[in-house]
Amino acid sequence: MLMTLKFYSSFYVGAHSTDLAKALDIVSEWAYMWQLKIATSKCVAHRISARSQLSSNDCPYSLCDMPLKRSASTKDLGVTNFVFDQHVANIVHTASARVYLILKSFLSRDR
């Protein structure tokens, strides 16, 4: 059985959340106790903030003694990249591809 866990935390710029780090440690201990494997390769840390505040690429969080990679884009509940213009561009691209497939199914586009 697969489980999806999402942790959210807020903190000041230039810092990291000790609450989030502690929650990740608790989940690691719980998974070890119940002999559950966590797909740490699929786990990422995604910071949502102004672009000017995304200065360093280091990520101080770890899960099951594996450091989490920092993600520049994440898909959650069908929304990719929590940046509005990128999300709209993805929707437009998908719609254009579907329109092309519909038009391709007709023999002629003449009026």
PDB file of N, CA and C in Angstrom:
ATOM      1  N   MET A   1       0.842  -1.170   0.000  1.00  0.00           N
ATOM      2  CA  MET A   1       0.000   0.000   0.000  1.00  0.00           C
ATOM      3  C   MET A   1       0.895   1.244   0.000  1.00  0.00           C
ATOM      4  N   LEU A   2       0.570   2.165  -0.869  1.00  0.00           N
ATOM      5  CA  LEU A   2       1.318   3.408  -0.951  1.00  0.00           C
ATOM      6  C   LEU A   2       0.624   4.492  -0.161  1.00  0.00           C
ATOM      7  N   MET A   3       1.405   5.260   0.527  1.00  0.00           N
ATOM      8  CA  MET A   3       0.872   6.395   1.267  1.00  0.00           C
ATOM      9  C   MET A   3       1.511   7.660   0.732  1.00  0.00           C
ATOM     10  N   THR A   4       0.737   8.697   0.690  1.00  0.00           N
ATOM     11  CA  THR A   4       1.261  10.000   0.302  1.00  0.00           C
ATOM     12  C   THR A   4       1.203  10.899   1.514  1.00  0.00           C
ATOM     13  N   LEU A   5       2.329  11.430   1.864  1.00  0.00           N
ATOM     14  CA  LEU A   5       2.413  12.345   2.993  1.00  0.00           C
ATOM     15  C   LEU A   5       2.889  13.691   2.501  1.00  0.00           C
ATOM     16  N   LYS A   6       2.296  14.734   3.018  1.00  0.00           N
ATOM     17  CA  LYS A   6       2.733  16.085   2.683  1.00  0.00           C
ATOM     18  C   LYS A   6       2.881  16.853   3.974  1.00  0.00           C
ATOM     19  N   PHE A   7       4.006  17.500   4.116  1.00  0.00           N
ATOM     20  CA  PHE A   7       4.265  18.322   5.286  1.00  0.00           C
ATOM     21  C   PHE A   7       4.400  19.765   4.834  1.00  0.00           C
ATOM     22  N   TYR A   8       3.784  20.647   5.570  1.00  0.00           N
ATOM     23  CA  TYR A   8       3.879  22.065   5.282  1.00  0.00           C
ATOM     24  C   TYR A   8       4.369  22.782   6.526  1.00  0.00           C
ATOM     25  N   SER A   9       5.187  23.772   6.316  1.00  0.00           N
ATOM     26  CA  SER A   9       5.690  24.551   7.426  1.00  0.00           C
ATOM     27  C   SER A   9       5.988  25.951   6.930  1.00  0.00           C
ATOM     28  N   SER A  10       5.867  26.922   7.808  1.00  0.00           N
ATOM     29  CA  SER A  10       6.227  28.292   7.433  1.00  0.00           C
ATOM     30  C   SER A  10       7.344  28.770   8.344  1.00  0.00           C
ATOM     31  N   PHE A  11       8.218  29.590   7.782  1.00  0.00           N
ATOM     32  CA  PHE A  11       9.351  30.099   8.540  1.00  0.00           C
ATOM     33  C   PHE A  11       9.874  31.350   7.867  1.00  0.00           C
ATOM     34  N   TYR A  12      10.747  32.028   8.548  1.00  0.00           N
ATOM     35  CA  TYR A  12      11.292  33.289   8.040  1.00  0.00           C
ATOM     36  C   TYR A  12      12.344  33.034   6.968  1.00  0.00           C
ATOM     37  N   VAL A  13      12.524  34.010   6.104  1.00  0.00           N
ATOM     38  CA  VAL A  13      13.507  33.919   5.028  1.00  0.00           C
ATOM     39  C   VAL A  13      14.901  33.774   5.624  1.00  0.00           C
ATOM     40  N   GLY A  14      15.708  32.918   5.015  1.00  0.00           N
ATOM     41  CA  GLY A  14      17.075  32.709   5.484  1.00  0.00           C
ATOM     42  C   GLY A  14      17.171  31.662   6.580  1.00  0.00           C
ATOM     43  N   ALA A  15      16.063  31.078   6.967  1.00  0.00           N
ATOM     44  CA  ALA A  15      16.065  30.069   8.028  1.00  0.00           C
ATOM     45  C   ALA A  15      15.459  28.781   7.471  1.00  0.00           C
ATOM     46  N   HIS A  16      15.440  27.767   8.295  1.00  0.00           N
ATOM     47  CA  HIS A  16      14.705  26.557   7.940  1.00  0.00           C
ATOM     48  C   HIS A  16      13.862  26.154   9.146  1.00  0.00           C
ATOM     49  N   SER A  17      12.888  25.330   8.895  1.00  0.00           N
ATOM     50  CA  SER A  17      11.928  24.975   9.927  1.00  0.00           C
ATOM     51  C   SER A  17      12.415  23.785  10.751  1.00  0.00           C
ATOM     52  N   THR A  18      12.604  24.014  12.040  1.00  0.00           N
ATOM     53  CA  THR A  18      12.984  22.896  12.917  1.00  0.00           C
ATOM     54  C   THR A  18      11.784  21.977  13.135  1.00  0.00           C
ATOM     55  N   ASP A  19      10.562  22.529  13.076  1.00  0.00           N
ATOM     56  CA  ASP A  19       9.366  21.692  13.218  1.00  0.00           C
ATOM     57  C   ASP A  19       9.255  20.700  12.067  1.00  0.00           C
ATOM     58  N   LEU A  20       9.558  21.163  10.863  1.00  0.00           N
ATOM     59  CA  LEU A  20       9.503  20.277   9.699  1.00  0.00           C
ATOM     60  C   LEU A  20      10.570  19.197   9.794  1.00  0.00           C
ATOM     61  N   ALA A  21      11.764  19.570  10.201  1.00  0.00           N
ATOM     62  CA  ALA A  21      12.842  18.588  10.363  1.00  0.00           C
ATOM     63  C   ALA A  21      12.468  17.543  11.410  1.00  0.00           C
ATOM     64  N   LYS A  22      11.847  17.982  12.499  1.00  0.00           N
ATOM     65  CA  LYS A  22      11.431  17.044  13.560  1.00  0.00           C
ATOM     66  C   LYS A  22      10.321  16.116  13.054  1.00  0.00           C
ATOM     67  N   ALA A  23       9.371  16.657  12.280  1.00  0.00           N
ATOM     68  CA  ALA A  23       8.294  15.832  11.728  1.00  0.00           C
ATOM     69  C   ALA A  23       8.853  14.766  10.786  1.00  0.00           C
ATOM     70  N   LEU A  24       9.829  15.124   9.980  1.00  0.00           N
ATOM     71  CA  LEU A  24      10.454  14.155   9.081  1.00  0.00           C
ATOM     72  C   LEU A  24      11.180  13.063   9.872  1.00  0.00           C
ATOM     73  N   ASP A  25      11.830  13.440  10.970  1.00  0.00           N
ATOM     74  CA  ASP A  25      12.493  12.449  11.830  1.00  0.00           C
ATOM     75  C   ASP A  25      11.482  11.490  12.452  1.00  0.00           C
ATOM     76  N   ILE A  26      10.343  12.018  12.889  1.00  0.00           N
ATOM     77  CA  ILE A  26       9.299  11.176  13.503  1.00  0.00           C
ATOM     78  C   ILE A  26       8.751  10.187  12.487  1.00  0.00           C
ATOM     79  N   VAL A  27       8.515  10.653  11.256  1.00  0.00           N
ATOM     80  CA  VAL A  27       8.018   9.758  10.209  1.00  0.00           C
ATOM     81  C   VAL A  27       9.055   8.681   9.896  1.00  0.00           C
ATOM     82  N   SER A  28      10.321   9.047   9.859  1.00  0.00           N
ATOM     83  CA  SER A  28      11.384   8.068   9.606  1.00  0.00           C
ATOM     84  C   SER A  28      11.397   6.991  10.690  1.00  0.00           C
ATOM     85  N   GLU A  29      11.301   7.406  11.936  1.00  0.00           N
ATOM     86  CA  GLU A  29      11.287   6.451  13.049  1.00  0.00           C
ATOM     87  C   GLU A  29      10.053   5.559  12.992  1.00  0.00           C
ATOM     88  N   TRP A  30       8.903   6.142  12.668  1.00  0.00           N
ATOM     89  CA  TRP A  30       7.658   5.383  12.578  1.00  0.00           C
ATOM     90  C   TRP A  30       7.757   4.336  11.475  1.00  0.00           C
ATOM     91  N   ALA A  31       8.270   4.716  10.321  1.00  0.00           N
ATOM     92  CA  ALA A  31       8.406   3.784   9.201  1.00  0.00           C
ATOM     93  C   ALA A  31       9.372   2.658   9.551  1.00  0.00           C
ATOM     94  N   TYR A  32      10.458   2.989  10.230  1.00  0.00           N
ATOM     95  CA  TYR A  32      11.423   1.963  10.646  1.00  0.00           C
ATOM     96  C   TYR A  32      10.784   0.987  11.644  1.00  0.00           C
ATOM     97  N   MET A  33      10.023   1.546  12.607  1.00  0.00           N
ATOM     98  CA  MET A  33       9.389   0.719  13.627  1.00  0.00           C
ATOM     99  C   MET A  33       8.396  -0.271  13.003  1.00  0.00           C
ATOM    100  N   TRP A  34       7.657   0.163  11.993  1.00  0.00           N
ATOM    101  CA  TRP A  34       6.650  -0.678  11.355  1.00  0.00           C
ATOM    102  C   TRP A  34       7.191  -1.380  10.106  1.00  0.00           C
ATOM    103  N   GLN A  35       8.494  -1.331   9.904  1.00  0.00           N
ATOM    104  CA  GLN A  35       9.177  -1.992   8.795  1.00  0.00           C
ATOM    105  C   GLN A  35       8.594  -1.594   7.444  1.00  0.00           C
ATOM    106  N   LEU A  36       8.348  -0.306   7.290  1.00  0.00           N
ATOM    107  CA  LEU A  36       7.843   0.238   6.035  1.00  0.00           C
ATOM    108  C   LEU A  36       8.971   0.947   5.314  1.00  0.00           C
ATOM    109  N   LYS A  37       9.040   0.751   4.026  1.00  0.00           N
ATOM    110  CA  LYS A  37      10.058   1.433   3.232  1.00  0.00           C
ATOM    111  C   LYS A  37       9.455   2.704   2.648  1.00  0.00           C
ATOM    112  N   ILE A  38      10.214   3.760   2.714  1.00  0.00           N
ATOM    113  CA  ILE A  38       9.802   5.032   2.126  1.00  0.00           C
ATOM    114  C   ILE A  38      10.632   5.236   0.873  1.00  0.00           C
ATOM    115  N   ALA A  39       9.975   5.575  -0.213  1.00  0.00           N
ATOM    116  CA  ALA A  39      10.670   5.826  -1.480  1.00  0.00           C
ATOM    117  C   ALA A  39      11.323   7.205  -1.400  1.00  0.00           C
ATOM    118  N   THR A  40      12.472   7.253  -0.771  1.00  0.00           N
ATOM    119  CA  THR A  40      13.135   8.544  -0.564  1.00  0.00           C
ATOM    120  C   THR A  40      13.568   9.182  -1.880  1.00  0.00           C
ATOM    121  N   SER A  41      13.728   8.390  -2.932  1.00  0.00           N
ATOM    122  CA  SER A  41      14.100   8.963  -4.229  1.00  0.00           C
ATOM    123  C   SER A  41      12.973   9.810  -4.810  1.00  0.00           C
ATOM    124  N   LYS A  42      11.745   9.576  -4.354  1.00  0.00           N
ATOM    125  CA  LYS A  42      10.595  10.347  -4.840  1.00  0.00           C
ATOM    126  C   LYS A  42      10.253  11.516  -3.924  1.00  0.00           C
ATOM    127  N   CYS A  43      10.969  11.645  -2.835  1.00  0.00           N
ATOM    128  CA  CYS A  43      10.684  12.696  -1.862  1.00  0.00           C
ATOM    129  C   CYS A  43      11.515  13.935  -2.164  1.00  0.00           C
ATOM    130  N   VAL A  44      10.883  15.082  -2.127  1.00  0.00           N
ATOM    131  CA  VAL A  44      11.574  16.341  -2.406  1.00  0.00           C
ATOM    132  C   VAL A  44      11.120  17.403  -1.421  1.00  0.00           C
ATOM    133  N   ALA A  45      11.912  18.444  -1.334  1.00  0.00           N
ATOM    134  CA  ALA A  45      11.526  19.629  -0.569  1.00  0.00           C
ATOM    135  C   ALA A  45      11.242  20.726  -1.582  1.00  0.00           C
ATOM    136  N   HIS A  46      10.111  21.352  -1.445  1.00  0.00           N
ATOM    137  CA  HIS A  46       9.718  22.412  -2.374  1.00  0.00           C
ATOM    138  C   HIS A  46       9.429  23.667  -1.567  1.00  0.00           C
ATOM    139  N   ARG A  47      10.175  24.713  -1.852  1.00  0.00           N
ATOM    140  CA  ARG A  47       9.993  25.974  -1.132  1.00  0.00           C
ATOM    141  C   ARG A  47       9.151  26.918  -1.979  1.00  0.00           C
ATOM    142  N   ILE A  48       8.104  27.436  -1.383  1.00  0.00           N
ATOM    143  CA  ILE A  48       7.223  28.374  -2.065  1.00  0.00           C
ATOM    144  C   ILE A  48       7.498  29.758  -1.501  1.00  0.00           C
ATOM    145  N   SER A  49       8.101  30.610  -2.307  1.00  0.00           N
ATOM    146  CA  SER A  49       8.419  31.969  -1.881  1.00  0.00           C
ATOM    147  C   SER A  49       8.682  32.809  -3.116  1.00  0.00           C
ATOM    148  N   ALA A  50       8.950  34.066  -2.904  1.00  0.00           N
ATOM    149  CA  ALA A  50       9.301  34.942  -4.016  1.00  0.00           C
ATOM    150  C   ALA A  50      10.610  34.464  -4.639  1.00  0.00           C
ATOM    151  N   ARG A  51      10.744  34.638  -5.942  1.00  0.00           N
ATOM    152  CA  ARG A  51      11.947  34.166  -6.637  1.00  0.00           C
ATOM    153  C   ARG A  51      13.216  34.797  -6.076  1.00  0.00           C
ATOM    154  N   SER A  52      13.124  36.029  -5.636  1.00  0.00           N
ATOM    155  CA  SER A  52      14.317  36.708  -5.112  1.00  0.00           C
ATOM    156  C   SER A  52      14.801  36.095  -3.809  1.00  0.00           C
ATOM    157  N   GLN A  53      13.939  35.329  -3.140  1.00  0.00           N
ATOM    158  CA  GLN A  53      14.305  34.725  -1.862  1.00  0.00           C
ATOM    159  C   GLN A  53      14.815  33.297  -1.999  1.00  0.00           C
ATOM    160  N   LEU A  54      14.853  32.780  -3.220  1.00  0.00           N
ATOM    161  CA  LEU A  54      15.359  31.430  -3.452  1.00  0.00           C
ATOM    162  C   LEU A  54      16.842  31.513  -3.772  1.00  0.00           C
ATOM    163  N   SER A  55      17.651  31.691  -2.750  1.00  0.00           N
ATOM    164  CA  SER A  55      19.069  31.967  -2.980  1.00  0.00           C
ATOM    165  C   SER A  55      19.929  30.717  -3.058  1.00  0.00           C
ATOM    166  N   SER A  56      19.809  29.814  -2.114  1.00  0.00           N
ATOM    167  CA  SER A  56      20.730  28.676  -2.088  1.00  0.00           C
ATOM    168  C   SER A  56      20.022  27.399  -2.521  1.00  0.00           C
ATOM    169  N   ASN A  57      20.814  26.468  -3.017  1.00  0.00           N
ATOM    170  CA  ASN A  57      20.266  25.187  -3.454  1.00  0.00           C
ATOM    171  C   ASN A  57      20.393  24.113  -2.387  1.00  0.00           C
ATOM    172  N   ASP A  58      21.008  24.442  -1.258  1.00  0.00           N
ATOM    173  CA  ASP A  58      21.155  23.436  -0.216  1.00  0.00           C
ATOM    174  C   ASP A  58      19.808  23.201   0.463  1.00  0.00           C
ATOM    175  N   CYS A  59      19.622  22.001   0.902  1.00  0.00           N
ATOM    176  CA  CYS A  59      18.364  21.632   1.542  1.00  0.00           C
ATOM    177  C   CYS A  59      18.705  20.945   2.868  1.00  0.00           C
ATOM    178  N   PRO A  60      18.338  21.545   3.992  1.00  0.00           N
ATOM    179  CA  PRO A  60      18.754  20.995   5.284  1.00  0.00           C
ATOM    180  C   PRO A  60      17.911  19.820   5.785  1.00  0.00           C
ATOM    181  N   TYR A  61      16.975  19.332   4.980  1.00  0.00           N
ATOM    182  CA  TYR A  61      16.052  18.300   5.444  1.00  0.00           C
ATOM    183  C   TYR A  61      16.482  16.922   4.957  1.00  0.00           C
ATOM    184  N   SER A  62      16.182  15.918   5.782  1.00  0.00           N
ATOM    185  CA  SER A  62      16.480  14.538   5.398  1.00  0.00           C
ATOM    186  C   SER A  62      15.347  13.643   5.876  1.00  0.00           C
ATOM    187  N   LEU A  63      15.215  12.518   5.187  1.00  0.00           N
ATOM    188  CA  LEU A  63      14.189  11.536   5.504  1.00  0.00           C
ATOM    189  C   LEU A  63      14.852  10.172   5.442  1.00  0.00           C
ATOM    190  N   CYS A  64      14.769   9.414   6.513  1.00  0.00           N
ATOM    191  CA  CYS A  64      15.424   8.102   6.616  1.00  0.00           C
ATOM    192  C   CYS A  64      16.916   8.218   6.334  1.00  0.00           C
ATOM    193  N   ASP A  65      17.531   9.229   6.905  1.00  0.00           N
ATOM    194  CA  ASP A  65      18.973   9.494   6.765  1.00  0.00           C
ATOM    195  C   ASP A  65      19.406   9.769   5.328  1.00  0.00           C
ATOM    196  N   MET A  66      18.468  10.089   4.462  1.00  0.00           N
ATOM    197  CA  MET A  66      18.786  10.467   3.077  1.00  0.00           C
ATOM    198  C   MET A  66      18.417  11.937   2.912  1.00  0.00           C
ATOM    199  N   PRO A  67      19.349  12.771   2.452  1.00  0.00           N
ATOM    200  CA  PRO A  67      19.017  14.184   2.262  1.00  0.00           C
ATOM    201  C   PRO A  67      17.975  14.360   1.159  1.00  0.00           C
ATOM    202  N   LEU A  68      17.020  15.239   1.403  1.00  0.00           N
ATOM    203  CA  LEU A  68      15.995  15.510   0.398  1.00  0.00           C
ATOM    204  C   LEU A  68      16.541  16.451  -0.661  1.00  0.00           C
ATOM    205  N   LYS A  69      16.164  16.177  -1.906  1.00  0.00           N
ATOM    206  CA  LYS A  69      16.544  17.065  -2.998  1.00  0.00           C
ATOM    207  C   LYS A  69      15.582  18.250  -3.017  1.00  0.00           C
ATOM    208  N   ARG A  70      16.080  19.386  -3.448  1.00  0.00           N
ATOM    209  CA  ARG A  70      15.225  20.557  -3.599  1.00  0.00           C
ATOM    210  C   ARG A  70      14.591  20.507  -4.981  1.00  0.00           C
ATOM    211  N   SER A  71      13.300  20.752  -5.033  1.00  0.00           N
ATOM    212  CA  SER A  71      12.564  20.705  -6.282  1.00  0.00           C
ATOM    213  C   SER A  71      12.215  22.111  -6.739  1.00  0.00           C
ATOM    214  N   ALA A  72      12.392  22.367  -8.026  1.00  0.00           N
ATOM    215  CA  ALA A  72      12.002  23.662  -8.587  1.00  0.00           C
ATOM    216  C   ALA A  72      10.545  23.640  -9.026  1.00  0.00           C
ATOM    217  N   SER A  73      10.019  22.449  -9.290  1.00  0.00           N
ATOM    218  CA  SER A  73       8.607  22.334  -9.664  1.00  0.00           C
ATOM    219  C   SER A  73       8.046  21.057  -9.063  1.00  0.00           C
ATOM    220  N   THR A  74       6.832  21.146  -8.627  1.00  0.00           N
ATOM    221  CA  THR A  74       6.172  20.017  -7.991  1.00  0.00           C
ATOM    222  C   THR A  74       4.741  19.962  -8.481  1.00  0.00           C
ATOM    223  N   LYS A  75       4.231  18.761  -8.716  1.00  0.00           N
ATOM    224  CA  LYS A  75       2.836  18.613  -9.127  1.00  0.00           C
ATOM    225  C   LYS A  75       2.037  18.155  -7.916  1.00  0.00           C
ATOM    226  N   ASP A  76       1.055  18.932  -7.553  1.00  0.00           N
ATOM    227  CA  ASP A  76       0.226  18.621  -6.401  1.00  0.00           C
ATOM    228  C   ASP A  76      -1.212  18.954  -6.733  1.00  0.00           C
ATOM    229  N   LEU A  77      -2.084  17.970  -6.630  1.00  0.00           N
ATOM    230  CA  LEU A  77      -3.497  18.134  -6.937  1.00  0.00           C
ATOM    231  C   LEU A  77      -3.721  18.692  -8.338  1.00  0.00           C
ATOM    232  N   GLY A  78      -2.924  18.243  -9.283  1.00  0.00           N
ATOM    233  CA  GLY A  78      -3.087  18.654 -10.666  1.00  0.00           C
ATOM    234  C   GLY A  78      -2.463  19.987 -11.012  1.00  0.00           C
ATOM    235  N   VAL A  79      -1.919  20.685 -10.041  1.00  0.00           N
ATOM    236  CA  VAL A  79      -1.283  21.972 -10.306  1.00  0.00           C
ATOM    237  C   VAL A  79       0.221  21.752 -10.334  1.00  0.00           C
ATOM    238  N   THR A  80       0.832  22.073 -11.468  1.00  0.00           N
ATOM    239  CA  THR A  80       2.271  21.949 -11.598  1.00  0.00           C
ATOM    240  C   THR A  80       2.889  23.313 -11.415  1.00  0.00           C
ATOM    241  N   ASN A  81       4.001  23.347 -10.743  1.00  0.00           N
ATOM    242  CA  ASN A  81       4.718  24.604 -10.545  1.00  0.00           C
ATOM    243  C   ASN A  81       3.797  25.627  -9.897  1.00  0.00           C
ATOM    244  N   PHE A  82       4.012  25.929  -8.707  1.00  0.00           N
ATOM    245  CA  PHE A  82       3.156  26.873  -8.016  1.00  0.00           C
ATOM    246  C   PHE A  82       3.443  28.304  -8.462  1.00  0.00           C
ATOM    247  N   VAL A  83       3.736  28.440  -9.748  1.00  0.00           N
ATOM    248  CA  VAL A  83       3.922  29.738 -10.375  1.00  0.00           C
ATOM    249  C   VAL A  83       2.808  29.854 -11.403  1.00  0.00           C
ATOM    250  N   PHE A  84       1.991  30.888 -11.302  1.00  0.00           N
ATOM    251  CA  PHE A  84       0.771  30.978 -12.077  1.00  0.00           C
ATOM    252  C   PHE A  84       1.023  30.941 -13.579  1.00  0.00           C
ATOM    253  N   ASP A  85       2.008  31.691 -14.083  1.00  0.00           N
ATOM    254  CA  ASP A  85       2.220  31.751 -15.527  1.00  0.00           C
ATOM    255  C   ASP A  85       2.672  30.407 -16.095  1.00  0.00           C
ATOM    256  N   GLN A  86       3.464  29.640 -15.348  1.00  0.00           N
ATOM    257  CA  GLN A  86       3.879  28.322 -15.813  1.00  0.00           C
ATOM    258  C   GLN A  86       2.698  27.357 -15.811  1.00  0.00           C
ATOM    259  N   HIS A  87       1.839  27.471 -14.825  1.00  0.00           N
ATOM    260  CA  HIS A  87       0.662  26.611 -14.754  1.00  0.00           C
ATOM    261  C   HIS A  87      -0.261  26.874 -15.945  1.00  0.00           C
ATOM    262  N   VAL A  88      -0.495  28.150 -16.259  1.00  0.00           N
ATOM    263  CA  VAL A  88      -1.352  28.503 -17.396  1.00  0.00           C
ATOM    264  C   VAL A  88      -0.720  28.023 -18.696  1.00  0.00           C
ATOM    265  N   ALA A  89       0.593  28.165 -18.844  1.00  0.00           N
ATOM    266  CA  ALA A  89       1.275  27.697 -20.053  1.00  0.00           C
ATOM    267  C   ALA A  89       1.109  26.191 -20.230  1.00  0.00           C
ATOM    268  N   ASN A  90       1.170  25.431 -19.141  1.00  0.00           N
ATOM    269  CA  ASN A  90       0.957  23.977 -19.220  1.00  0.00           C
ATOM    270  C   ASN A  90      -0.465  23.648 -19.651  1.00  0.00           C
ATOM    271  N   ILE A  91      -1.445  24.375 -19.143  1.00  0.00           N
ATOM    272  CA  ILE A  91      -2.842  24.136 -19.519  1.00  0.00           C
ATOM    273  C   ILE A  91      -3.058  24.468 -20.991  1.00  0.00           C
ATOM    274  N   VAL A  92      -2.509  25.587 -21.449  1.00  0.00           N
ATOM    275  CA  VAL A  92      -2.648  25.980 -22.855  1.00  0.00           C
ATOM    276  C   VAL A  92      -1.997  24.947 -23.765  1.00  0.00           C
ATOM    277  N   HIS A  93      -0.830  24.449 -23.390  1.00  0.00           N
ATOM    278  CA  HIS A  93      -0.152  23.436 -24.197  1.00  0.00           C
ATOM    279  C   HIS A  93      -1.005  22.165 -24.306  1.00  0.00           C
ATOM    280  N   THR A  94      -1.569  21.717 -23.194  1.00  0.00           N
ATOM    281  CA  THR A  94      -2.411  20.516 -23.196  1.00  0.00           C
ATOM    282  C   THR A  94      -3.648  20.725 -24.062  1.00  0.00           C
ATOM    283  N   ALA A  95      -4.288  21.894 -23.934  1.00  0.00           N
ATOM    284  CA  ALA A  95      -5.478  22.186 -24.733  1.00  0.00           C
ATOM    285  C   ALA A  95      -5.139  22.237 -26.219  1.00  0.00           C
ATOM    286  N   SER A  96      -4.013  22.836 -26.574  1.00  0.00           N
ATOM    287  CA  SER A  96      -3.600  22.909 -27.984  1.00  0.00           C
ATOM    288  C   SER A  96      -3.367  21.522 -28.560  1.00  0.00           C
ATOM    289  N   ALA A  97      -2.743  20.651 -27.784  1.00  0.00           N
ATOM    290  CA  ALA A  97      -2.499  19.285 -28.249  1.00  0.00           C
ATOM    291  C   ALA A  97      -3.814  18.551 -28.483  1.00  0.00           C
ATOM    292  N   ARG A  98      -4.785  18.745 -27.623  1.00  0.00           N
ATOM    293  CA  ARG A  98      -6.083  18.074 -27.792  1.00  0.00           C
ATOM    294  C   ARG A  98      -6.842  18.632 -28.988  1.00  0.00           C
ATOM    295  N   VAL A  99      -6.785  19.951 -29.194  1.00  0.00           N
ATOM    296  CA  VAL A  99      -7.440  20.551 -30.363  1.00  0.00           C
ATOM    297  C   VAL A  99      -6.817  20.017 -31.637  1.00  0.00           C
ATOM    298  N   TYR A 100      -5.504  19.890 -31.661  1.00  0.00           N
ATOM    299  CA  TYR A 100      -4.819  19.345 -32.833  1.00  0.00           C
ATOM    300  C   TYR A 100      -5.317  17.931 -33.133  1.00  0.00           C
ATOM    301  N   LEU A 101      -5.462  17.095 -32.113  1.00  0.00           N
ATOM    302  CA  LEU A 101      -5.935  15.726 -32.324  1.00  0.00           C
ATOM    303  C   LEU A 101      -7.364  15.708 -32.852  1.00  0.00           C
ATOM    304  N   ILE A 102      -8.207  16.616 -32.364  1.00  0.00           N
ATOM    305  CA  ILE A 102      -9.593  16.688 -32.848  1.00  0.00           C
ATOM    306  C   ILE A 102      -9.600  17.112 -34.313  1.00  0.00           C
ATOM    307  N   LEU A 103      -8.855  18.167 -34.651  1.00  0.00           N
ATOM    308  CA  LEU A 103      -8.810  18.643 -36.038  1.00  0.00           C
ATOM    309  C   LEU A 103      -8.212  17.603 -36.976  1.00  0.00           C
ATOM    310  N   LYS A 104      -7.270  16.850 -36.494  1.00  0.00           N
ATOM    311  CA  LYS A 104      -6.615  15.828 -37.306  1.00  0.00           C
ATOM    312  C   LYS A 104      -7.593  14.707 -37.678  1.00  0.00           C
ATOM    313  N   SER A 105      -8.620  14.505 -36.868  1.00  0.00           N
ATOM    314  CA  SER A 105      -9.574  13.416 -37.133  1.00  0.00           C
ATOM    315  C   SER A 105     -10.538  13.751 -38.277  1.00  0.00           C
ATOM    316  N   PHE A 106     -10.667  15.028 -38.650  1.00  0.00           N
ATOM    317  CA  PHE A 106     -11.535  15.410 -39.764  1.00  0.00           C
ATOM    318  C   PHE A 106     -10.776  15.256 -41.079  1.00  0.00           C
ATOM    319  N   LEU A 107     -11.517  14.892 -42.145  1.00  0.00           N
ATOM    320  CA  LEU A 107     -10.899  14.749 -43.454  1.00  0.00           C
ATOM    321  C   LEU A 107     -10.595  16.093 -44.074  1.00  0.00           C
ATOM    322  N   SER A 108     -11.478  17.058 -43.859  1.00  0.00           N
ATOM    323  CA  SER A 108     -11.284  18.375 -44.469  1.00  0.00           C
ATOM    324  C   SER A 108     -11.683  19.461 -43.480  1.00  0.00           C
ATOM    325  N   ARG A 109     -10.974  20.573 -43.533  1.00  0.00           N
ATOM    326  CA  ARG A 109     -11.305  21.690 -42.659  1.00  0.00           C
ATOM    327  C   ARG A 109     -11.945  22.826 -43.466  1.00  0.00           C
ATOM    328  N   ASP A 110     -12.293  22.566 -44.710  1.00  0.00           N
ATOM    329  CA  ASP A 110     -12.938  23.593 -45.540  1.00  0.00           C
ATOM    330  C   ASP A 110     -14.334  23.877 -45.017  1.00  0.00           C
ATOM    331  N   ARG A 111     -14.768  25.100 -45.238  1.00  0.00           N
ATOM    332  CA  ARG A 111     -16.125  25.476 -44.788  1.00  0.00           C
ATOM    333  C   ARG A 111     -17.157  25.073 -45.776  1.00  0.00           C
TER     334      ARG A 111
END
